[in-house]
Every structure is written in C-alpha cells, then in structure tokens.
Amino acid sequence: MIKSSNHTPLPKAGEGKRGDNGYLGYLLRQAANTYRYRVESALSDLPLTQPQFSSLVMLEAYPDHSSADLARMAFLTPQTMSVIVSNLSKSGLITRSPHAAHGRKQHIALTELGQETLRAAKERVYALEKDLLAGVSDDEAATIRHWLVSLL
C-alpha cells in the first residue's frame, strides 16, 4: 500500500512563512540562530564558543562587573555564566580573584592569552558582521541597529 502525502514540502529559509511573509518573532529567531551558527563556524579552530565570545567581549568592555552582571549583558542565566567562567578559567583565558570590596564577588579579568584569543576572534566575527551588512548603506545600518536596540 502506498501512502499519499497531503503535506506540502517544507519551505527553505527565506521562503513562505520563513521569508518576507513570516512572523517577525520567528524571523528574528531564524536570523539569530543563523548568525550564531556562522559565528561558531568562524571560531571553530579557536577555543571559544559564541556564548564564550560574547562573555569575553562584555568582560573586556565592562571589566569590573560580576559574573551575574556579565550573564545579564550576554543574555545568559547566572548558572550558564558560572559554567562559562569556569571553562574560560580552565582554558587560561581569564583569571578569577577575590574582589577587594565584596566578599562573595570575584574579580574576573582577561589573561594575556585571553586578550590574544579575543583579538583573533573579534577579527573574524567583525569580518562576518561586515559581510552581513554588504550592500547596506551606513544610514540603513544605523537604522537596523537603532531598530534592534529599540526592541530591548
């Protein structure tokens, strides 16, 4: 017996509800997942995942903040950030030491290896972002950034 399928084929990315007629929230998630995959691919030979990269970027930009603060800035749970910080420490990319003013808070800092690794990762990720904006004017890029920030 041959079963007939009444199902329509799955649309490819950019088609049907996965394209211009799609639900905005789904399209944002689709774009974010695609971006994360591309970043992971760009970092594949470095000892960093995309969440670790984001964490190091935030640590470099805001060095005197706690692990919980970094978690909020990187859109991760404190538990996930704790694992990330532990793994980054084991990899020699960061150091942790008791904070001078707060008892339970730890001071987290990039090591020299962490700075070098982050520099190499940034070159790759920023080149990827430049490719994402190919064909987009500076004004359009500013509008996109403004719109994305306004969603927060």
C-alpha atoms as a PDB file:
ATOM      1  CA  MET A   1       0.000   0.000   0.000  1.00  0.00           C
ATOM      2  CA  ILE A   2       1.309   3.407  -0.956  1.00  0.00           C
ATOM      3  CA  LYS A   3       0.595   6.238   1.410  1.00  0.00           C
ATOM      4  CA  SER A   4      -0.255   9.509  -0.180  1.00  0.00           C
ATOM      5  CA  SER A   5       1.096  12.570   1.489  1.00  0.00           C
ATOM      6  CA  ASN A   6      -1.113  15.593   1.831  1.00  0.00           C
ATOM      7  CA  HIS A   7       1.758  17.567   3.332  1.00  0.00           C
ATOM      8  CA  THR A   8       3.257  20.451   1.456  1.00  0.00           C
ATOM      9  CA  PRO A   9       7.042  20.398   1.268  1.00  0.00           C
ATOM     10  CA  LEU A  10       8.929  22.299   3.943  1.00  0.00           C
ATOM     11  CA  PRO A  11       9.898  25.777   2.796  1.00  0.00           C
ATOM     12  CA  LYS A  12      13.559  26.650   2.585  1.00  0.00           C
ATOM     13  CA  ALA A  13      14.909  29.510   4.667  1.00  0.00           C
ATOM     14  CA  GLY A  14      13.670  32.731   3.130  1.00  0.00           C
ATOM     15  CA  GLU A  15      10.575  31.144   1.582  1.00  0.00           C
ATOM     16  CA  GLY A  16       6.926  31.214   2.633  1.00  0.00           C
ATOM     17  CA  LYS A  17       6.459  31.858   6.337  1.00  0.00           C
ATOM     18  CA  ARG A  18      10.242  31.584   6.659  1.00  0.00           C
ATOM     19  CA  GLY A  19      10.567  34.598   4.338  1.00  0.00           C
ATOM     20  CA  ASP A  20       9.074  38.030   3.726  1.00  0.00           C
ATOM     21  CA  ASN A  21       5.604  36.882   4.840  1.00  0.00           C
ATOM     22  CA  GLY A  22       6.859  35.347   8.067  1.00  0.00           C
ATOM     23  CA  TYR A  23       6.026  36.092  11.669  1.00  0.00           C
ATOM     24  CA  LEU A  24       8.539  38.707  12.854  1.00  0.00           C
ATOM     25  CA  GLY A  25       9.487  36.852  16.040  1.00  0.00           C
ATOM     26  CA  TYR A  26      10.223  33.691  14.072  1.00  0.00           C
ATOM     27  CA  LEU A  27      12.302  35.627  11.537  1.00  0.00           C
ATOM     28  CA  LEU A  28      14.343  37.219  14.340  1.00  0.00           C
ATOM     29  CA  ARG A  29      14.962  33.806  15.879  1.00  0.00           C
ATOM     30  CA  GLN A  30      15.847  32.322  12.488  1.00  0.00           C
ATOM     31  CA  ALA A  31      18.315  35.159  11.871  1.00  0.00           C
ATOM     32  CA  ALA A  32      19.827  34.859  15.370  1.00  0.00           C
ATOM     33  CA  ASN A  33      20.302  31.108  15.001  1.00  0.00           C
ATOM     34  CA  THR A  34      21.861  31.537  11.568  1.00  0.00           C
ATOM     35  CA  TYR A  35      24.169  34.229  12.939  1.00  0.00           C
ATOM     36  CA  ARG A  36      25.191  32.029  15.873  1.00  0.00           C
ATOM     37  CA  TYR A  37      25.953  29.132  13.524  1.00  0.00           C
ATOM     38  CA  ARG A  38      28.133  31.417  11.364  1.00  0.00           C
ATOM     39  CA  VAL A  39      29.980  32.769  14.403  1.00  0.00           C
ATOM     40  CA  GLU A  40      30.536  29.219  15.719  1.00  0.00           C
ATOM     41  CA  SER A  41      31.934  28.257  12.301  1.00  0.00           C
ATOM     42  CA  ALA A  42      34.217  31.303  12.226  1.00  0.00           C
ATOM     43  CA  LEU A  43      35.528  30.458  15.704  1.00  0.00           C
ATOM     44  CA  SER A  44      35.762  26.697  15.130  1.00  0.00           C
ATOM     45  CA  ASP A  45      39.563  26.492  15.410  1.00  0.00           C
ATOM     46  CA  LEU A  46      39.707  28.806  18.437  1.00  0.00           C
ATOM     47  CA  PRO A  47      38.943  27.618  21.972  1.00  0.00           C
ATOM     48  CA  LEU A  48      35.737  29.708  22.076  1.00  0.00           C
ATOM     49  CA  THR A  49      32.042  29.163  21.586  1.00  0.00           C
ATOM     50  CA  GLN A  50      29.750  32.019  20.598  1.00  0.00           C
ATOM     51  CA  PRO A  51      28.470  32.471  24.193  1.00  0.00           C
ATOM     52  CA  GLN A  52      32.062  32.462  25.468  1.00  0.00           C
ATOM     53  CA  PHE A  53      32.994  35.051  22.843  1.00  0.00           C
ATOM     54  CA  SER A  54      30.070  37.260  23.888  1.00  0.00           C
ATOM     55  CA  SER A  55      31.079  36.880  27.521  1.00  0.00           C
ATOM     56  CA  LEU A  56      34.679  37.892  26.813  1.00  0.00           C
ATOM     57  CA  VAL A  57      33.526  40.905  24.767  1.00  0.00           C
ATOM     58  CA  MET A  58      31.350  42.057  27.676  1.00  0.00           C
ATOM     59  CA  LEU A  59      34.158  41.367  30.189  1.00  0.00           C
ATOM     60  CA  GLU A  60      36.580  43.431  28.129  1.00  0.00           C
ATOM     61  CA  ALA A  61      34.087  46.291  27.778  1.00  0.00           C
ATOM     62  CA  TYR A  62      32.908  46.175  31.425  1.00  0.00           C
ATOM     63  CA  PRO A  63      35.814  44.694  33.416  1.00  0.00           C
ATOM     64  CA  ASP A  64      34.692  45.456  36.960  1.00  0.00           C
ATOM     65  CA  HIS A  65      31.366  43.645  36.832  1.00  0.00           C
ATOM     66  CA  SER A  66      30.364  40.367  38.427  1.00  0.00           C
ATOM     67  CA  SER A  67      29.623  37.079  36.721  1.00  0.00           C
ATOM     68  CA  ALA A  68      25.910  37.762  37.281  1.00  0.00           C
ATOM     69  CA  ASP A  69      26.261  41.160  35.570  1.00  0.00           C
ATOM     70  CA  LEU A  70      28.047  39.530  32.633  1.00  0.00           C
ATOM     71  CA  ALA A  71      25.264  36.950  32.414  1.00  0.00           C
ATOM     72  CA  ARG A  72      22.652  39.681  32.093  1.00  0.00           C
ATOM     73  CA  MET A  73      24.647  41.508  29.420  1.00  0.00           C
ATOM     74  CA  ALA A  74      25.279  38.306  27.438  1.00  0.00           C
ATOM     75  CA  PHE A  75      21.621  37.157  27.781  1.00  0.00           C
ATOM     76  CA  LEU A  76      22.583  34.053  29.734  1.00  0.00           C
ATOM     77  CA  THR A  77      21.471  32.647  33.063  1.00  0.00           C
ATOM     78  CA  PRO A  78      23.821  33.096  36.036  1.00  0.00           C
ATOM     79  CA  GLN A  79      24.194  29.292  36.133  1.00  0.00           C
ATOM     80  CA  THR A  80      25.264  29.180  32.485  1.00  0.00           C
ATOM     81  CA  MET A  81      27.662  32.069  33.032  1.00  0.00           C
ATOM     82  CA  SER A  82      29.140  30.224  36.006  1.00  0.00           C
ATOM     83  CA  VAL A  83      29.937  27.267  33.730  1.00  0.00           C
ATOM     84  CA  ILE A  84      31.326  29.586  31.045  1.00  0.00           C
ATOM     85  CA  VAL A  85      33.526  31.436  33.546  1.00  0.00           C
ATOM     86  CA  SER A  86      34.776  28.122  34.931  1.00  0.00           C
ATOM     87  CA  ASN A  87      35.618  26.829  31.447  1.00  0.00           C
ATOM     88  CA  LEU A  88      37.297  30.091  30.432  1.00  0.00           C
ATOM     89  CA  SER A  89      39.361  29.938  33.622  1.00  0.00           C
ATOM     90  CA  LYS A  90      40.375  26.312  32.954  1.00  0.00           C
ATOM     91  CA  SER A  91      41.387  27.341  29.417  1.00  0.00           C
ATOM     92  CA  GLY A  92      43.636  30.070  30.809  1.00  0.00           C
ATOM     93  CA  LEU A  93      41.673  32.854  29.107  1.00  0.00           C
ATOM     94  CA  ILE A  94      40.592  34.578  32.340  1.00  0.00           C
ATOM     95  CA  THR A  95      41.627  34.756  35.953  1.00  0.00           C
ATOM     96  CA  ARG A  96      39.392  34.977  38.992  1.00  0.00           C
ATOM     97  CA  SER A  97      40.394  36.538  42.258  1.00  0.00           C
ATOM     98  CA  PRO A  98      38.575  37.764  45.367  1.00  0.00           C
ATOM     99  CA  HIS A  99      37.002  41.167  44.837  1.00  0.00           C
ATOM    100  CA  ALA A 100      38.546  43.874  47.024  1.00  0.00           C
ATOM    101  CA  ALA A 101      35.246  45.353  48.191  1.00  0.00           C
ATOM    102  CA  HIS A 102      32.746  42.472  48.038  1.00  0.00           C
ATOM    103  CA  GLY A 103      33.054  39.247  49.985  1.00  0.00           C
ATOM    104  CA  ARG A 104      31.450  36.700  47.637  1.00  0.00           C
ATOM    105  CA  LYS A 105      32.020  38.587  44.398  1.00  0.00           C
ATOM    106  CA  GLN A 106      35.005  37.574  42.296  1.00  0.00           C
ATOM    107  CA  HIS A 107      37.072  39.878  40.121  1.00  0.00           C
ATOM    108  CA  ILE A 108      37.290  38.380  36.625  1.00  0.00           C
ATOM    109  CA  ALA A 109      39.994  39.554  34.219  1.00  0.00           C
ATOM    110  CA  LEU A 110      41.272  38.555  30.811  1.00  0.00           C
ATOM    111  CA  THR A 111      44.699  36.949  30.787  1.00  0.00           C
ATOM    112  CA  GLU A 112      47.239  37.780  28.097  1.00  0.00           C
ATOM    113  CA  LEU A 113      46.156  34.582  26.302  1.00  0.00           C
ATOM    114  CA  GLY A 114      42.527  35.665  26.706  1.00  0.00           C
ATOM    115  CA  GLN A 115      43.290  39.061  25.167  1.00  0.00           C
ATOM    116  CA  GLU A 116      45.095  37.460  22.218  1.00  0.00           C
ATOM    117  CA  THR A 117      42.317  34.921  21.674  1.00  0.00           C
ATOM    118  CA  LEU A 118      39.639  37.602  21.895  1.00  0.00           C
ATOM    119  CA  ARG A 119      41.532  39.808  19.436  1.00  0.00           C
ATOM    120  CA  ALA A 120      41.672  36.950  16.892  1.00  0.00           C
ATOM    121  CA  ALA A 121      38.002  36.103  17.486  1.00  0.00           C
ATOM    122  CA  LYS A 122      36.915  39.733  17.080  1.00  0.00           C
ATOM    123  CA  GLU A 123      38.686  39.992  13.720  1.00  0.00           C
ATOM    124  CA  ARG A 124      36.694  37.009  12.461  1.00  0.00           C
ATOM    125  CA  VAL A 125      33.345  37.985  13.954  1.00  0.00           C
ATOM    126  CA  TYR A 126      33.622  41.622  12.892  1.00  0.00           C
ATOM    127  CA  ALA A 127      34.512  40.489   9.344  1.00  0.00           C
ATOM    128  CA  LEU A 128      31.380  38.322   9.447  1.00  0.00           C
ATOM    129  CA  GLU A 129      29.318  41.321  10.554  1.00  0.00           C
ATOM    130  CA  LYS A 130      30.817  43.391   7.746  1.00  0.00           C
ATOM    131  CA  ASP A 131      29.728  40.688   5.293  1.00  0.00           C
ATOM    132  CA  LEU A 132      26.225  40.724   6.804  1.00  0.00           C
ATOM    133  CA  LEU A 133      25.983  44.427   6.025  1.00  0.00           C
ATOM    134  CA  ALA A 134      27.349  44.163   2.475  1.00  0.00           C
ATOM    135  CA  GLY A 135      25.136  46.234   0.208  1.00  0.00           C
ATOM    136  CA  VAL A 136      23.621  48.130   3.156  1.00  0.00           C
ATOM    137  CA  SER A 137      24.354  51.853   3.408  1.00  0.00           C
ATOM    138  CA  ASP A 138      25.719  53.379   6.614  1.00  0.00           C
ATOM    139  CA  ASP A 139      22.347  55.052   7.188  1.00  0.00           C
ATOM    140  CA  GLU A 140      20.499  51.756   6.693  1.00  0.00           C
ATOM    141  CA  ALA A 141      22.918  50.003   9.063  1.00  0.00           C
ATOM    142  CA  ALA A 142      22.309  52.710  11.674  1.00  0.00           C
ATOM    143  CA  THR A 143      18.554  52.256  11.229  1.00  0.00           C
ATOM    144  CA  ILE A 144      18.872  48.477  11.659  1.00  0.00           C
ATOM    145  CA  ARG A 145      20.955  48.899  14.827  1.00  0.00           C
ATOM    146  CA  HIS A 146      18.537  51.506  16.194  1.00  0.00           C
ATOM    147  CA  TRP A 147      15.557  49.268  15.481  1.00  0.00           C
ATOM    148  CA  LEU A 148      17.194  46.230  17.114  1.00  0.00           C
ATOM    149  CA  VAL A 149      18.087  48.264  20.209  1.00  0.00           C
ATOM    150  CA  SER A 150      14.550  49.652  20.358  1.00  0.00           C
ATOM    151  CA  LEU A 151      13.252  46.077  20.691  1.00  0.00           C
ATOM    152  CA  LEU A 152      15.011  45.781  24.036  1.00  0.00           C
END
